[in-house]
Amino acid sequence: MNDQMPAPPQPLPDELWGEEWRFASIPAGDLWDMFSDRPIPFLSMPIEFKPVNLGIASNTFIPGVVIYGGRQSMQLAGWVAERKPQTHLYQETEKNLAGGLLLNDKAQQRWVTLTFHDQAIATAGQRYQQRLAAAKGLHFLLVQPDDSDVTFSGLWLLKA
């Protein structure tokens, strides 16, 4: 039995921080069709995570995070792909004011991908966690260069 505490989360390398980010959600019934046929360089949509295969109703909102990486978009998506992400979860650090998002990878390392100190964002983070519970842990991480929704660098379906 391993009684070791997990290593503290590491910051994302400075050169990989995106320009902007936002919480998002997509109805489960639309998720697969929106992305499965797109030419996305880093795409991880395991068939076992297809909402219908998990018994998730088509009108359930699947929560996610969209990172606009700008010129670093492909570099950020490549870095995420190398980590083999498992979850990307909201974590509150002070009562309703500060928080962040932690990317947990296959090697059980944790990475701080986003931080904030804002009541409105903390409220959105709590809604993200509520939707995560309603979606049976299914969530996504989307990296794209900008908010045009034309080009995507990476998409990962994840399950908590």
N, C-alpha and C. Protein backbone atom coordinates (compact mmCIF):
# COMPACT_ATOMS: atom_id res chain seq x y z
N MET A 1 0.85 -1.18 0.00
CA MET A 1 0.00 0.00 0.00
C MET A 1 0.89 1.24 0.00
N ASN A 2 0.57 2.22 -0.82
CA ASN A 2 1.35 3.44 -0.93
C ASN A 2 0.71 4.54 -0.11
N ASP A 3 1.35 4.93 0.99
CA ASP A 3 0.82 5.96 1.87
C ASP A 3 1.38 7.33 1.55
N GLN A 4 2.13 7.45 0.48
CA GLN A 4 2.73 8.74 0.15
C GLN A 4 1.65 9.72 -0.30
N MET A 5 1.82 10.95 0.12
CA MET A 5 0.93 12.02 -0.34
C MET A 5 1.33 12.36 -1.77
N PRO A 6 0.35 12.75 -2.59
CA PRO A 6 0.72 13.14 -3.95
C PRO A 6 1.62 14.38 -3.91
N ALA A 7 2.47 14.47 -4.90
CA ALA A 7 3.35 15.63 -4.99
C ALA A 7 2.50 16.89 -5.15
N PRO A 8 2.98 18.01 -4.63
CA PRO A 8 2.21 19.24 -4.80
C PRO A 8 2.09 19.58 -6.28
N PRO A 9 1.01 20.26 -6.65
CA PRO A 9 0.84 20.61 -8.06
C PRO A 9 1.98 21.51 -8.54
N GLN A 10 2.38 21.29 -9.78
CA GLN A 10 3.44 22.09 -10.40
C GLN A 10 2.80 23.15 -11.29
N PRO A 11 3.42 24.32 -11.40
CA PRO A 11 2.87 25.32 -12.31
C PRO A 11 3.11 24.91 -13.76
N LEU A 12 2.21 25.31 -14.60
CA LEU A 12 2.38 25.12 -16.04
C LEU A 12 3.61 25.92 -16.46
N PRO A 13 4.47 25.38 -17.32
CA PRO A 13 5.62 26.16 -17.77
C PRO A 13 5.19 27.52 -18.34
N ASP A 14 5.93 28.56 -18.01
CA ASP A 14 5.56 29.93 -18.39
C ASP A 14 5.26 30.09 -19.87
N GLU A 15 6.03 29.42 -20.71
CA GLU A 15 5.86 29.60 -22.16
C GLU A 15 4.57 28.95 -22.68
N LEU A 16 3.86 28.22 -21.82
CA LEU A 16 2.66 27.53 -22.27
C LEU A 16 1.36 28.17 -21.81
N TRP A 17 1.43 29.17 -20.93
CA TRP A 17 0.20 29.79 -20.45
C TRP A 17 -0.58 30.33 -21.64
N GLY A 18 -1.85 30.02 -21.69
CA GLY A 18 -2.71 30.54 -22.75
C GLY A 18 -3.00 32.01 -22.56
N GLU A 19 -3.62 32.61 -23.57
CA GLU A 19 -3.95 34.03 -23.51
C GLU A 19 -5.23 34.28 -22.74
N GLU A 20 -6.21 33.38 -22.90
CA GLU A 20 -7.49 33.49 -22.20
C GLU A 20 -8.03 32.09 -21.97
N TRP A 21 -9.04 31.99 -21.15
CA TRP A 21 -9.70 30.72 -20.92
C TRP A 21 -11.11 30.99 -20.46
N ARG A 22 -11.94 29.96 -20.51
CA ARG A 22 -13.30 30.07 -20.00
C ARG A 22 -13.85 28.69 -19.68
N PHE A 23 -14.80 28.67 -18.76
CA PHE A 23 -15.58 27.46 -18.54
C PHE A 23 -16.58 27.37 -19.67
N ALA A 24 -16.94 26.16 -20.04
CA ALA A 24 -17.91 25.95 -21.11
C ALA A 24 -18.70 24.69 -20.79
N SER A 25 -19.77 24.50 -21.53
CA SER A 25 -20.51 23.24 -21.42
C SER A 25 -21.19 22.97 -22.76
N ILE A 26 -21.34 21.69 -23.04
CA ILE A 26 -21.92 21.24 -24.30
C ILE A 26 -22.93 20.15 -23.96
N PRO A 27 -24.13 20.22 -24.54
CA PRO A 27 -25.08 19.13 -24.29
C PRO A 27 -24.48 17.78 -24.72
N ALA A 28 -24.67 16.78 -23.90
CA ALA A 28 -24.10 15.46 -24.17
C ALA A 28 -24.46 14.94 -25.55
N GLY A 29 -25.69 15.22 -25.98
CA GLY A 29 -26.14 14.74 -27.28
C GLY A 29 -25.41 15.37 -28.46
N ASP A 30 -24.76 16.52 -28.24
CA ASP A 30 -24.05 17.23 -29.31
C ASP A 30 -22.54 17.02 -29.28
N LEU A 31 -22.03 16.60 -28.15
CA LEU A 31 -20.57 16.55 -27.93
C LEU A 31 -19.83 15.74 -28.99
N TRP A 32 -20.27 14.53 -29.22
CA TRP A 32 -19.55 13.64 -30.13
C TRP A 32 -19.56 14.19 -31.55
N ASP A 33 -20.74 14.64 -31.99
CA ASP A 33 -20.86 15.15 -33.36
C ASP A 33 -20.06 16.43 -33.58
N MET A 34 -19.91 17.24 -32.55
CA MET A 34 -19.19 18.51 -32.69
C MET A 34 -17.71 18.32 -33.00
N PHE A 35 -17.12 17.25 -32.47
CA PHE A 35 -15.67 17.13 -32.55
C PHE A 35 -15.12 15.87 -33.22
N SER A 36 -15.86 14.78 -33.25
CA SER A 36 -15.28 13.50 -33.66
C SER A 36 -14.78 13.49 -35.10
N ASP A 37 -15.34 14.28 -35.99
CA ASP A 37 -14.90 14.29 -37.39
C ASP A 37 -14.04 15.49 -37.75
N ARG A 38 -13.68 16.32 -36.79
CA ARG A 38 -12.88 17.51 -37.07
C ARG A 38 -11.40 17.15 -37.15
N PRO A 39 -10.66 17.88 -37.99
CA PRO A 39 -9.21 17.63 -38.06
C PRO A 39 -8.49 18.33 -36.89
N ILE A 40 -8.47 17.68 -35.75
CA ILE A 40 -7.85 18.23 -34.54
C ILE A 40 -6.54 17.48 -34.32
N PRO A 41 -5.39 18.19 -34.34
CA PRO A 41 -4.09 17.51 -34.24
C PRO A 41 -3.93 16.62 -33.01
N PHE A 42 -4.42 17.07 -31.87
CA PHE A 42 -4.33 16.28 -30.63
C PHE A 42 -5.76 16.01 -30.18
N LEU A 43 -6.24 14.80 -30.45
CA LEU A 43 -7.62 14.46 -30.18
C LEU A 43 -7.69 13.16 -29.39
N SER A 44 -8.35 13.20 -28.24
CA SER A 44 -8.53 12.01 -27.43
C SER A 44 -10.00 11.92 -27.03
N MET A 45 -10.73 11.08 -27.75
CA MET A 45 -12.15 10.84 -27.48
C MET A 45 -12.38 9.33 -27.39
N PRO A 46 -11.96 8.72 -26.29
CA PRO A 46 -12.14 7.27 -26.17
C PRO A 46 -13.62 6.90 -26.31
N ILE A 47 -13.90 5.87 -27.08
CA ILE A 47 -15.27 5.45 -27.34
C ILE A 47 -16.02 5.14 -26.04
N GLU A 48 -15.28 4.66 -25.03
CA GLU A 48 -15.94 4.37 -23.76
C GLU A 48 -16.41 5.64 -23.04
N PHE A 49 -15.93 6.81 -23.48
CA PHE A 49 -16.36 8.08 -22.90
C PHE A 49 -17.50 8.72 -23.69
N LYS A 50 -17.97 8.05 -24.72
CA LYS A 50 -19.11 8.57 -25.47
C LYS A 50 -20.29 8.66 -24.49
N PRO A 51 -20.93 9.83 -24.38
CA PRO A 51 -21.98 9.99 -23.36
C PRO A 51 -23.04 8.89 -23.36
N VAL A 52 -23.47 8.46 -24.53
CA VAL A 52 -24.49 7.41 -24.58
C VAL A 52 -23.96 6.11 -23.98
N ASN A 53 -22.67 5.82 -24.14
CA ASN A 53 -22.08 4.62 -23.56
C ASN A 53 -21.97 4.69 -22.04
N LEU A 54 -21.99 5.91 -21.50
CA LEU A 54 -21.92 6.09 -20.05
C LEU A 54 -23.31 6.25 -19.43
N GLY A 55 -24.35 6.18 -20.26
CA GLY A 55 -25.71 6.33 -19.75
C GLY A 55 -26.04 7.77 -19.37
N ILE A 56 -25.41 8.72 -20.05
CA ILE A 56 -25.66 10.14 -19.77
C ILE A 56 -26.74 10.63 -20.73
N ALA A 57 -27.78 11.25 -20.20
CA ALA A 57 -28.88 11.76 -21.02
C ALA A 57 -28.37 12.83 -21.99
N SER A 58 -28.96 12.87 -23.16
CA SER A 58 -28.49 13.78 -24.21
C SER A 58 -28.63 15.25 -23.84
N ASN A 59 -29.52 15.58 -22.90
CA ASN A 59 -29.69 16.98 -22.51
C ASN A 59 -28.84 17.37 -21.29
N THR A 60 -28.01 16.46 -20.80
CA THR A 60 -27.10 16.76 -19.69
C THR A 60 -25.93 17.58 -20.24
N PHE A 61 -25.60 18.67 -19.54
CA PHE A 61 -24.47 19.49 -19.97
C PHE A 61 -23.15 18.88 -19.50
N ILE A 62 -22.26 18.69 -20.45
CA ILE A 62 -20.91 18.19 -20.16
C ILE A 62 -20.03 19.41 -19.94
N PRO A 63 -19.44 19.55 -18.74
CA PRO A 63 -18.62 20.73 -18.48
C PRO A 63 -17.23 20.60 -19.09
N GLY A 64 -16.62 21.73 -19.32
CA GLY A 64 -15.27 21.73 -19.84
C GLY A 64 -14.61 23.07 -19.68
N VAL A 65 -13.36 23.10 -20.08
CA VAL A 65 -12.56 24.32 -20.06
C VAL A 65 -11.99 24.52 -21.45
N VAL A 66 -12.12 25.74 -21.94
CA VAL A 66 -11.55 26.11 -23.23
C VAL A 66 -10.40 27.06 -22.95
N ILE A 67 -9.23 26.72 -23.49
CA ILE A 67 -8.06 27.59 -23.35
C ILE A 67 -7.71 28.12 -24.73
N TYR A 68 -7.66 29.44 -24.84
CA TYR A 68 -7.23 30.09 -26.08
C TYR A 68 -5.73 30.31 -25.96
N GLY A 69 -4.97 29.51 -26.70
CA GLY A 69 -3.52 29.51 -26.55
C GLY A 69 -2.77 30.48 -27.42
N GLY A 70 -3.46 31.15 -28.35
CA GLY A 70 -2.77 32.09 -29.23
C GLY A 70 -1.66 31.38 -29.99
N ARG A 71 -0.52 32.02 -30.09
CA ARG A 71 0.62 31.45 -30.82
C ARG A 71 1.19 30.21 -30.16
N GLN A 72 0.91 30.03 -28.88
CA GLN A 72 1.40 28.84 -28.15
C GLN A 72 0.40 27.69 -28.20
N SER A 73 -0.67 27.83 -28.94
CA SER A 73 -1.75 26.85 -28.92
C SER A 73 -1.27 25.43 -29.24
N MET A 74 -0.53 25.25 -30.31
CA MET A 74 -0.05 23.91 -30.67
C MET A 74 0.97 23.39 -29.65
N GLN A 75 1.82 24.28 -29.16
CA GLN A 75 2.81 23.88 -28.16
C GLN A 75 2.11 23.45 -26.87
N LEU A 76 1.09 24.19 -26.46
CA LEU A 76 0.33 23.84 -25.26
C LEU A 76 -0.39 22.50 -25.47
N ALA A 77 -1.05 22.33 -26.61
CA ALA A 77 -1.76 21.08 -26.88
C ALA A 77 -0.80 19.89 -26.91
N GLY A 78 0.37 20.07 -27.48
CA GLY A 78 1.37 19.00 -27.50
C GLY A 78 1.83 18.64 -26.10
N TRP A 79 2.04 19.66 -25.27
CA TRP A 79 2.46 19.43 -23.89
C TRP A 79 1.39 18.65 -23.14
N VAL A 80 0.12 19.07 -23.30
CA VAL A 80 -0.97 18.36 -22.63
C VAL A 80 -1.02 16.91 -23.10
N ALA A 81 -0.91 16.69 -24.41
CA ALA A 81 -0.96 15.33 -24.96
C ALA A 81 0.15 14.45 -24.37
N GLU A 82 1.34 15.00 -24.21
CA GLU A 82 2.44 14.24 -23.62
C GLU A 82 2.15 13.82 -22.19
N ARG A 83 1.36 14.60 -21.46
CA ARG A 83 1.05 14.30 -20.06
C ARG A 83 0.01 13.19 -19.95
N LYS A 84 -0.71 12.88 -21.03
CA LYS A 84 -1.79 11.89 -20.99
C LYS A 84 -2.79 12.24 -19.87
N PRO A 85 -3.52 13.35 -20.05
CA PRO A 85 -4.39 13.85 -18.97
C PRO A 85 -5.49 12.87 -18.60
N GLN A 86 -5.80 12.85 -17.32
CA GLN A 86 -6.88 12.00 -16.79
C GLN A 86 -8.07 12.85 -16.33
N THR A 87 -7.79 13.95 -15.63
CA THR A 87 -8.85 14.85 -15.16
C THR A 87 -8.34 16.29 -15.22
N HIS A 88 -9.29 17.22 -15.24
CA HIS A 88 -8.99 18.65 -15.19
C HIS A 88 -10.06 19.24 -14.29
N LEU A 89 -9.73 19.41 -13.02
CA LEU A 89 -10.73 19.72 -12.01
C LEU A 89 -10.53 21.07 -11.35
N TYR A 90 -11.65 21.69 -11.03
CA TYR A 90 -11.67 22.96 -10.30
C TYR A 90 -11.32 22.70 -8.85
N GLN A 91 -10.51 23.57 -8.28
CA GLN A 91 -10.20 23.47 -6.87
C GLN A 91 -10.25 24.85 -6.25
N GLU A 92 -11.07 24.96 -5.23
CA GLU A 92 -11.19 26.21 -4.50
C GLU A 92 -10.06 26.26 -3.48
N THR A 93 -9.41 27.41 -3.37
CA THR A 93 -8.32 27.50 -2.41
C THR A 93 -8.63 28.41 -1.23
N GLU A 94 -9.55 29.34 -1.41
CA GLU A 94 -10.03 30.16 -0.31
C GLU A 94 -11.53 30.28 -0.50
N LYS A 95 -12.26 30.42 0.58
CA LYS A 95 -13.71 30.39 0.49
C LYS A 95 -14.26 31.33 -0.58
N ASN A 96 -14.69 30.71 -1.69
CA ASN A 96 -15.39 31.40 -2.78
C ASN A 96 -14.63 32.55 -3.42
N LEU A 97 -13.35 32.68 -3.22
CA LEU A 97 -12.64 33.80 -3.82
C LEU A 97 -11.51 33.38 -4.74
N ALA A 98 -10.69 32.45 -4.30
CA ALA A 98 -9.55 32.06 -5.12
C ALA A 98 -9.68 30.60 -5.49
N GLY A 99 -9.12 30.28 -6.63
CA GLY A 99 -9.17 28.89 -7.03
C GLY A 99 -8.30 28.66 -8.24
N GLY A 100 -8.46 27.50 -8.79
CA GLY A 100 -7.69 27.18 -9.97
C GLY A 100 -8.16 25.87 -10.54
N LEU A 101 -7.50 25.47 -11.59
CA LEU A 101 -7.79 24.20 -12.23
C LEU A 101 -6.53 23.35 -12.22
N LEU A 102 -6.71 22.10 -11.83
CA LEU A 102 -5.59 21.18 -11.76
C LEU A 102 -5.75 20.09 -12.81
N LEU A 103 -4.72 19.92 -13.62
CA LEU A 103 -4.67 18.86 -14.60
C LEU A 103 -3.94 17.70 -13.95
N ASN A 104 -4.61 16.56 -13.88
CA ASN A 104 -4.01 15.35 -13.31
C ASN A 104 -3.66 14.44 -14.46
N ASP A 105 -2.40 13.98 -14.48
CA ASP A 105 -1.97 13.17 -15.63
C ASP A 105 -1.83 11.70 -15.25
N LYS A 106 -1.54 10.91 -16.26
CA LYS A 106 -1.47 9.46 -16.09
C LYS A 106 -0.36 9.05 -15.11
N ALA A 107 0.69 9.87 -15.00
CA ALA A 107 1.79 9.57 -14.08
C ALA A 107 1.50 10.07 -12.66
N GLN A 108 0.26 10.46 -12.41
CA GLN A 108 -0.19 10.97 -11.12
C GLN A 108 0.52 12.25 -10.72
N GLN A 109 0.92 13.02 -11.70
CA GLN A 109 1.43 14.36 -11.43
C GLN A 109 0.27 15.33 -11.61
N ARG A 110 0.36 16.46 -10.90
CA ARG A 110 -0.68 17.48 -10.99
C ARG A 110 -0.06 18.78 -11.46
N TRP A 111 -0.80 19.46 -12.32
CA TRP A 111 -0.33 20.71 -12.91
C TRP A 111 -1.38 21.80 -12.74
N VAL A 112 -0.97 22.96 -12.28
CA VAL A 112 -1.87 24.10 -12.17
C VAL A 112 -1.96 24.74 -13.55
N THR A 113 -3.12 24.61 -14.19
CA THR A 113 -3.27 25.18 -15.53
C THR A 113 -3.87 26.56 -15.51
N LEU A 114 -4.64 26.87 -14.46
CA LEU A 114 -5.28 28.18 -14.38
C LEU A 114 -5.43 28.55 -12.91
N THR A 115 -5.30 29.83 -12.64
CA THR A 115 -5.57 30.34 -11.29
C THR A 115 -6.38 31.61 -11.42
N PHE A 116 -7.14 31.92 -10.37
CA PHE A 116 -7.94 33.14 -10.37
C PHE A 116 -8.26 33.55 -8.95
N HIS A 117 -8.66 34.78 -8.80
CA HIS A 117 -9.07 35.35 -7.52
C HIS A 117 -10.24 36.29 -7.82
N ASP A 118 -11.41 35.68 -7.99
CA ASP A 118 -12.56 36.45 -8.45
C ASP A 118 -13.83 35.70 -8.06
N GLN A 119 -14.78 36.39 -7.43
CA GLN A 119 -16.01 35.75 -6.96
C GLN A 119 -16.82 35.17 -8.11
N ALA A 120 -16.96 35.89 -9.21
CA ALA A 120 -17.77 35.41 -10.33
C ALA A 120 -17.17 34.13 -10.93
N ILE A 121 -15.85 34.10 -11.04
CA ILE A 121 -15.20 32.91 -11.60
C ILE A 121 -15.30 31.74 -10.62
N ALA A 122 -15.17 32.03 -9.33
CA ALA A 122 -15.32 30.97 -8.33
C ALA A 122 -16.72 30.38 -8.39
N THR A 123 -17.73 31.22 -8.58
CA THR A 123 -19.10 30.72 -8.71
C THR A 123 -19.22 29.85 -9.96
N ALA A 124 -18.60 30.27 -11.06
CA ALA A 124 -18.60 29.46 -12.28
C ALA A 124 -17.86 28.13 -12.06
N GLY A 125 -16.80 28.16 -11.27
CA GLY A 125 -16.07 26.94 -10.95
C GLY A 125 -16.92 25.97 -10.14
N GLN A 126 -17.72 26.50 -9.24
CA GLN A 126 -18.62 25.64 -8.47
C GLN A 126 -19.69 25.03 -9.37
N ARG A 127 -20.19 25.81 -10.34
CA ARG A 127 -21.17 25.29 -11.31
C ARG A 127 -20.51 24.20 -12.17
N TYR A 128 -19.25 24.40 -12.53
CA TYR A 128 -18.48 23.39 -13.28
C TYR A 128 -18.48 22.08 -12.50
N GLN A 129 -18.20 22.13 -11.20
CA GLN A 129 -18.16 20.93 -10.37
C GLN A 129 -19.54 20.28 -10.26
N GLN A 130 -20.60 21.09 -10.18
CA GLN A 130 -21.95 20.54 -10.12
C GLN A 130 -22.29 19.81 -11.42
N ARG A 131 -21.93 20.42 -12.55
CA ARG A 131 -22.18 19.78 -13.84
C ARG A 131 -21.34 18.52 -13.99
N LEU A 132 -20.14 18.54 -13.45
CA LEU A 132 -19.27 17.36 -13.49
C LEU A 132 -19.96 16.19 -12.78
N ALA A 133 -20.55 16.46 -11.64
CA ALA A 133 -21.26 15.40 -10.90
C ALA A 133 -22.46 14.90 -11.71
N ALA A 134 -23.21 15.82 -12.31
CA ALA A 134 -24.39 15.42 -13.09
C ALA A 134 -24.00 14.63 -14.34
N ALA A 135 -22.79 14.88 -14.87
CA ALA A 135 -22.31 14.22 -16.09
C ALA A 135 -21.48 12.97 -15.77
N LYS A 136 -21.66 12.44 -14.56
CA LYS A 136 -20.96 11.21 -14.14
C LYS A 136 -19.44 11.33 -14.31
N GLY A 137 -18.91 12.53 -14.08
CA GLY A 137 -17.47 12.76 -14.12
C GLY A 137 -16.91 13.08 -15.49
N LEU A 138 -17.73 13.00 -16.54
CA LEU A 138 -17.26 13.30 -17.89
C LEU A 138 -17.06 14.80 -18.05
N HIS A 139 -15.93 15.18 -18.60
CA HIS A 139 -15.63 16.59 -18.86
C HIS A 139 -14.62 16.68 -20.00
N PHE A 140 -14.34 17.90 -20.46
CA PHE A 140 -13.43 18.05 -21.58
C PHE A 140 -12.47 19.21 -21.35
N LEU A 141 -11.36 19.13 -22.07
CA LEU A 141 -10.39 20.21 -22.14
C LEU A 141 -10.18 20.48 -23.62
N LEU A 142 -10.40 21.72 -24.03
CA LEU A 142 -10.26 22.11 -25.42
C LEU A 142 -9.22 23.23 -25.52
N VAL A 143 -8.23 23.04 -26.38
CA VAL A 143 -7.22 24.07 -26.64
C VAL A 143 -7.40 24.54 -28.07
N GLN A 144 -7.52 25.84 -28.24
CA GLN A 144 -7.64 26.40 -29.58
C GLN A 144 -6.90 27.73 -29.63
N PRO A 145 -6.49 28.16 -30.84
CA PRO A 145 -5.70 29.37 -30.94
C PRO A 145 -6.47 30.63 -30.56
N ASP A 146 -7.78 30.67 -30.86
CA ASP A 146 -8.59 31.86 -30.60
C ASP A 146 -10.04 31.43 -30.44
N ASP A 147 -10.92 32.40 -30.31
CA ASP A 147 -12.32 32.08 -30.07
C ASP A 147 -13.17 31.99 -31.33
N SER A 148 -12.54 31.80 -32.49
CA SER A 148 -13.28 31.74 -33.75
C SER A 148 -14.06 30.44 -33.93
N ASP A 149 -13.71 29.40 -33.17
CA ASP A 149 -14.31 28.07 -33.31
C ASP A 149 -14.13 27.48 -34.70
N VAL A 150 -13.08 27.90 -35.40
CA VAL A 150 -12.75 27.37 -36.72
C VAL A 150 -11.61 26.36 -36.61
N THR A 151 -10.61 26.68 -35.81
CA THR A 151 -9.41 25.85 -35.67
C THR A 151 -9.28 25.38 -34.23
N PHE A 152 -8.99 24.10 -34.07
CA PHE A 152 -8.78 23.52 -32.74
C PHE A 152 -7.41 22.85 -32.72
N SER A 153 -6.69 23.01 -31.61
CA SER A 153 -5.37 22.40 -31.46
C SER A 153 -5.43 21.08 -30.72
N GLY A 154 -6.31 20.98 -29.74
CA GLY A 154 -6.40 19.75 -28.97
C GLY A 154 -7.71 19.64 -28.23
N LEU A 155 -8.22 18.42 -28.13
CA LEU A 155 -9.43 18.14 -27.36
C LEU A 155 -9.24 16.82 -26.64
N TRP A 156 -9.54 16.83 -25.35
CA TRP A 156 -9.47 15.62 -24.54
C TRP A 156 -10.79 15.45 -23.80
N LEU A 157 -11.41 14.29 -23.97
CA LEU A 157 -12.52 13.91 -23.11
C LEU A 157 -11.90 13.22 -21.90
N LEU A 158 -12.30 13.64 -20.73
CA LEU A 158 -11.71 13.16 -19.49
C LEU A 158 -12.82 12.64 -18.58
N LYS A 159 -12.45 11.80 -17.63
CA LYS A 159 -13.45 11.26 -16.72
C LYS A 159 -12.88 11.21 -15.31
N ALA A 160 -13.59 11.89 -14.40
CA ALA A 160 -13.18 11.92 -12.99
C ALA A 160 -13.69 10.67 -12.28
